[in-house]
Amino acid sequence: MATWLTISPFGEGVSPFEPGAVDSLVYTGQNELMSDTTTIRVSRQTHGRITRLAQQRHETIDQTVDRALRALRQLSMGRELNDELTDEEKTWLDAELG
């Protein structure tokens, strides 16, 4: 079963990490309105994990997801850089600069 991944605003006595705290407005960590947002469906387990991680890091869910995506991109680039060079890449690197 899936749930909607949402971010609630920081409001009077409202924690963005409370289960079921849903609002049509989404805010950044600086209480600024995010003008362009969307909703994604994730499993309840994933929703709980990302919510707990964001709470532990004192971040919004948006900030935590953004950091996770950046880390995945960096990991992917690192693995690519570690791959064996193709014959074409070796030829290009061995070419004379003349």
N, C-alpha and C. Protein backbone atom coordinates (compact mmCIF):
# COMPACT_ATOMS: atom_id res chain seq x y z
N MET A 1 0.84 -1.18 0.00
CA MET A 1 0.00 0.00 0.00
C MET A 1 0.89 1.24 0.00
N ALA A 2 0.54 2.24 -0.77
CA ALA A 2 1.33 3.47 -0.89
C ALA A 2 0.67 4.60 -0.14
N THR A 3 1.44 5.63 0.09
CA THR A 3 0.94 6.83 0.73
C THR A 3 1.49 8.03 -0.02
N TRP A 4 0.89 9.19 0.18
CA TRP A 4 1.38 10.40 -0.46
C TRP A 4 2.51 10.98 0.37
N LEU A 5 3.62 11.33 -0.27
CA LEU A 5 4.73 11.98 0.41
C LEU A 5 4.47 13.47 0.38
N THR A 6 4.21 14.05 1.53
CA THR A 6 3.88 15.47 1.60
C THR A 6 4.74 16.15 2.65
N ILE A 7 4.82 17.46 2.53
CA ILE A 7 5.55 18.25 3.51
C ILE A 7 4.57 19.28 4.05
N SER A 8 4.43 19.34 5.37
CA SER A 8 3.51 20.32 5.96
C SER A 8 4.29 21.58 6.30
N PRO A 9 3.60 22.72 6.38
CA PRO A 9 4.30 23.96 6.71
C PRO A 9 4.69 23.99 8.18
N PHE A 10 5.71 24.78 8.47
CA PHE A 10 6.06 25.03 9.86
C PHE A 10 5.07 26.07 10.34
N GLY A 11 4.19 25.67 11.17
CA GLY A 11 3.18 26.60 11.64
C GLY A 11 3.08 26.56 13.15
N GLU A 12 2.12 27.25 13.65
CA GLU A 12 1.92 27.35 15.09
C GLU A 12 1.66 25.98 15.67
N GLY A 13 2.65 25.43 16.36
CA GLY A 13 2.51 24.14 17.01
C GLY A 13 2.43 22.95 16.06
N VAL A 14 2.76 23.16 14.78
CA VAL A 14 2.67 22.07 13.80
C VAL A 14 4.07 21.63 13.43
N SER A 15 4.35 20.36 13.61
CA SER A 15 5.64 19.81 13.19
C SER A 15 5.50 19.26 11.78
N PRO A 16 6.48 19.51 10.90
CA PRO A 16 6.40 18.95 9.56
C PRO A 16 6.58 17.44 9.56
N PHE A 17 6.91 16.86 10.71
CA PHE A 17 7.18 15.44 10.78
C PHE A 17 6.05 14.64 11.41
N GLU A 18 4.96 15.31 11.81
CA GLU A 18 3.83 14.59 12.39
C GLU A 18 3.13 13.77 11.32
N PRO A 19 2.86 12.51 11.59
CA PRO A 19 2.09 11.71 10.63
C PRO A 19 0.74 12.37 10.37
N GLY A 20 0.38 12.47 9.12
CA GLY A 20 -0.90 13.03 8.76
C GLY A 20 -0.93 14.54 8.69
N ALA A 21 0.19 15.21 8.98
CA ALA A 21 0.24 16.67 8.90
C ALA A 21 0.35 17.06 7.43
N VAL A 22 -0.77 17.35 6.81
CA VAL A 22 -0.82 17.60 5.37
C VAL A 22 -1.37 18.99 5.14
N ASP A 23 -0.79 19.69 4.18
CA ASP A 23 -1.28 21.02 3.84
C ASP A 23 -1.04 21.20 2.35
N SER A 24 -1.81 22.06 1.72
CA SER A 24 -1.64 22.30 0.29
C SER A 24 -0.44 23.19 0.02
N LEU A 25 0.11 23.81 1.05
CA LEU A 25 1.29 24.65 0.89
C LEU A 25 2.53 23.87 1.33
N VAL A 26 3.60 24.03 0.60
CA VAL A 26 4.85 23.35 0.94
C VAL A 26 5.91 24.41 1.16
N TYR A 27 6.65 24.29 2.25
CA TYR A 27 7.63 25.29 2.62
C TYR A 27 9.03 24.71 2.62
N THR A 28 10.02 25.57 2.41
CA THR A 28 11.41 25.18 2.56
C THR A 28 11.76 25.27 4.03
N GLY A 29 12.99 24.91 4.38
CA GLY A 29 13.45 24.99 5.76
C GLY A 29 13.49 26.40 6.30
N GLN A 30 13.47 27.41 5.44
CA GLN A 30 13.51 28.79 5.88
C GLN A 30 12.11 29.40 5.91
N ASN A 31 11.08 28.56 5.95
CA ASN A 31 9.69 29.00 5.96
C ASN A 31 9.31 29.81 4.73
N GLU A 32 9.97 29.55 3.62
CA GLU A 32 9.63 30.20 2.37
C GLU A 32 8.76 29.26 1.56
N LEU A 33 7.74 29.80 0.93
CA LEU A 33 6.84 28.99 0.12
C LEU A 33 7.56 28.47 -1.11
N MET A 34 7.44 27.18 -1.36
CA MET A 34 7.98 26.59 -2.58
C MET A 34 6.90 26.72 -3.64
N SER A 35 7.16 27.50 -4.66
CA SER A 35 6.12 27.80 -5.63
C SER A 35 5.85 26.67 -6.61
N ASP A 36 6.81 25.82 -6.84
CA ASP A 36 6.63 24.76 -7.84
C ASP A 36 6.87 23.41 -7.19
N THR A 37 5.81 22.72 -6.81
CA THR A 37 5.94 21.43 -6.13
C THR A 37 5.07 20.39 -6.83
N THR A 38 5.29 19.14 -6.44
CA THR A 38 4.49 18.04 -6.94
C THR A 38 4.38 17.00 -5.84
N THR A 39 3.56 16.01 -6.04
CA THR A 39 3.37 14.94 -5.08
C THR A 39 3.80 13.64 -5.72
N ILE A 40 4.50 12.79 -4.96
CA ILE A 40 4.89 11.48 -5.46
C ILE A 40 4.31 10.41 -4.55
N ARG A 41 4.03 9.25 -5.12
CA ARG A 41 3.52 8.14 -4.32
C ARG A 41 4.68 7.25 -3.93
N VAL A 42 4.74 6.93 -2.64
CA VAL A 42 5.76 6.04 -2.10
C VAL A 42 5.08 5.08 -1.14
N SER A 43 5.76 3.99 -0.84
CA SER A 43 5.19 3.04 0.13
C SER A 43 5.17 3.68 1.51
N ARG A 44 4.33 3.16 2.36
CA ARG A 44 4.27 3.68 3.74
C ARG A 44 5.63 3.51 4.43
N GLN A 45 6.29 2.40 4.14
CA GLN A 45 7.60 2.15 4.73
C GLN A 45 8.60 3.23 4.30
N THR A 46 8.64 3.55 3.01
CA THR A 46 9.54 4.59 2.52
C THR A 46 9.18 5.95 3.11
N HIS A 47 7.90 6.24 3.17
CA HIS A 47 7.46 7.50 3.76
C HIS A 47 7.93 7.62 5.20
N GLY A 48 7.78 6.56 5.97
CA GLY A 48 8.22 6.57 7.36
C GLY A 48 9.73 6.74 7.48
N ARG A 49 10.47 6.05 6.61
CA ARG A 49 11.94 6.14 6.66
C ARG A 49 12.42 7.54 6.32
N ILE A 50 11.87 8.14 5.27
CA ILE A 50 12.33 9.48 4.88
C ILE A 50 11.88 10.52 5.91
N THR A 51 10.72 10.34 6.49
CA THR A 51 10.24 11.27 7.51
C THR A 51 11.15 11.21 8.74
N ARG A 52 11.49 9.99 9.19
CA ARG A 52 12.38 9.84 10.35
C ARG A 52 13.76 10.41 10.06
N LEU A 53 14.28 10.15 8.87
CA LEU A 53 15.60 10.67 8.51
C LEU A 53 15.60 12.19 8.48
N ALA A 54 14.57 12.78 7.90
CA ALA A 54 14.47 14.24 7.86
C ALA A 54 14.40 14.80 9.28
N GLN A 55 13.64 14.16 10.12
CA GLN A 55 13.52 14.62 11.51
C GLN A 55 14.86 14.53 12.22
N GLN A 56 15.58 13.44 12.04
CA GLN A 56 16.89 13.27 12.67
C GLN A 56 17.88 14.32 12.20
N ARG A 57 17.76 14.72 10.94
CA ARG A 57 18.69 15.70 10.35
C ARG A 57 18.20 17.13 10.54
N HIS A 58 17.03 17.30 11.14
CA HIS A 58 16.44 18.63 11.35
C HIS A 58 16.27 19.35 10.01
N GLU A 59 15.71 18.61 9.05
CA GLU A 59 15.49 19.13 7.70
C GLU A 59 14.05 18.86 7.30
N THR A 60 13.65 19.50 6.22
CA THR A 60 12.37 19.14 5.62
C THR A 60 12.57 17.86 4.81
N ILE A 61 11.48 17.20 4.49
CA ILE A 61 11.56 16.01 3.64
C ILE A 61 12.17 16.40 2.30
N ASP A 62 11.80 17.54 1.77
CA ASP A 62 12.33 18.01 0.49
C ASP A 62 13.85 18.12 0.54
N GLN A 63 14.38 18.70 1.59
CA GLN A 63 15.84 18.84 1.72
C GLN A 63 16.51 17.48 1.82
N THR A 64 15.92 16.56 2.56
CA THR A 64 16.50 15.23 2.72
C THR A 64 16.48 14.47 1.40
N VAL A 65 15.38 14.53 0.67
CA VAL A 65 15.30 13.86 -0.63
C VAL A 65 16.31 14.48 -1.58
N ASP A 66 16.44 15.81 -1.58
CA ASP A 66 17.40 16.48 -2.44
C ASP A 66 18.82 16.00 -2.14
N ARG A 67 19.17 15.89 -0.86
CA ARG A 67 20.51 15.41 -0.47
C ARG A 67 20.71 13.96 -0.91
N ALA A 68 19.69 13.15 -0.75
CA ALA A 68 19.80 11.74 -1.14
C ALA A 68 20.00 11.61 -2.66
N LEU A 69 19.28 12.40 -3.42
CA LEU A 69 19.44 12.36 -4.88
C LEU A 69 20.84 12.81 -5.29
N ARG A 70 21.35 13.85 -4.63
CA ARG A 70 22.70 14.32 -4.94
C ARG A 70 23.73 13.22 -4.62
N ALA A 71 23.56 12.56 -3.48
CA ALA A 71 24.48 11.49 -3.09
C ALA A 71 24.45 10.35 -4.10
N LEU A 72 23.26 10.00 -4.59
CA LEU A 72 23.16 8.94 -5.60
C LEU A 72 23.84 9.33 -6.89
N ARG A 73 23.67 10.61 -7.32
CA ARG A 73 24.36 11.08 -8.52
C ARG A 73 25.87 11.01 -8.35
N GLN A 74 26.36 11.43 -7.19
CA GLN A 74 27.80 11.40 -6.92
C GLN A 74 28.33 9.97 -6.92
N LEU A 75 27.59 9.06 -6.32
CA LEU A 75 27.97 7.65 -6.31
C LEU A 75 28.05 7.10 -7.72
N SER A 76 27.06 7.43 -8.53
CA SER A 76 27.03 6.98 -9.92
C SER A 76 28.23 7.53 -10.70
N MET A 77 28.54 8.82 -10.51
CA MET A 77 29.69 9.42 -11.20
C MET A 77 30.98 8.75 -10.75
N GLY A 78 31.10 8.49 -9.46
CA GLY A 78 32.30 7.83 -8.94
C GLY A 78 32.49 6.45 -9.52
N ARG A 79 31.41 5.71 -9.64
CA ARG A 79 31.50 4.37 -10.24
C ARG A 79 31.88 4.45 -11.71
N GLU A 80 31.30 5.44 -12.43
CA GLU A 80 31.64 5.63 -13.84
C GLU A 80 33.12 5.95 -14.00
N LEU A 81 33.64 6.83 -13.16
CA LEU A 81 35.05 7.22 -13.24
C LEU A 81 35.97 6.05 -12.91
N ASN A 82 35.47 5.11 -12.14
CA ASN A 82 36.26 3.95 -11.74
C ASN A 82 36.22 2.83 -12.78
N ASP A 83 35.31 2.91 -13.74
CA ASP A 83 35.18 1.88 -14.77
C ASP A 83 36.41 1.86 -15.66
N GLU A 84 36.68 0.71 -16.23
CA GLU A 84 37.77 0.55 -17.19
C GLU A 84 37.48 1.41 -18.42
N LEU A 85 38.53 2.03 -18.97
CA LEU A 85 38.36 2.85 -20.17
C LEU A 85 38.03 1.98 -21.38
N THR A 86 37.18 2.50 -22.25
CA THR A 86 36.88 1.79 -23.50
C THR A 86 38.06 1.98 -24.46
N ASP A 87 38.11 1.17 -25.51
CA ASP A 87 39.17 1.30 -26.52
C ASP A 87 39.14 2.69 -27.14
N GLU A 88 37.96 3.20 -27.40
CA GLU A 88 37.81 4.55 -27.99
C GLU A 88 38.39 5.61 -27.06
N GLU A 89 38.12 5.50 -25.75
CA GLU A 89 38.65 6.46 -24.79
C GLU A 89 40.17 6.38 -24.70
N LYS A 90 40.72 5.16 -24.75
CA LYS A 90 42.16 4.99 -24.72
C LYS A 90 42.81 5.60 -25.96
N THR A 91 42.20 5.39 -27.12
CA THR A 91 42.72 5.97 -28.36
C THR A 91 42.71 7.49 -28.28
N TRP A 92 41.64 8.04 -27.79
CA TRP A 92 41.52 9.50 -27.67
C TRP A 92 42.58 10.05 -26.73
N LEU A 93 42.81 9.37 -25.60
CA LEU A 93 43.80 9.84 -24.63
C LEU A 93 45.23 9.71 -25.16
N ASP A 94 45.46 8.71 -26.02
CA ASP A 94 46.80 8.49 -26.56
C ASP A 94 47.08 9.32 -27.81
N ALA A 95 46.10 10.06 -28.30
CA ALA A 95 46.26 10.83 -29.53
C ALA A 95 47.28 11.95 -29.34
N GLU A 96 47.99 12.28 -30.42
CA GLU A 96 48.95 13.37 -30.41
C GLU A 96 48.21 14.70 -30.43
N LEU A 97 48.73 15.69 -29.77
CA LEU A 97 48.12 17.01 -29.73
C LEU A 97 48.72 17.90 -30.81
N GLY A 98 48.70 17.56 -32.00
CA GLY A 98 49.41 18.35 -32.99
C GLY A 98 48.58 18.96 -33.97
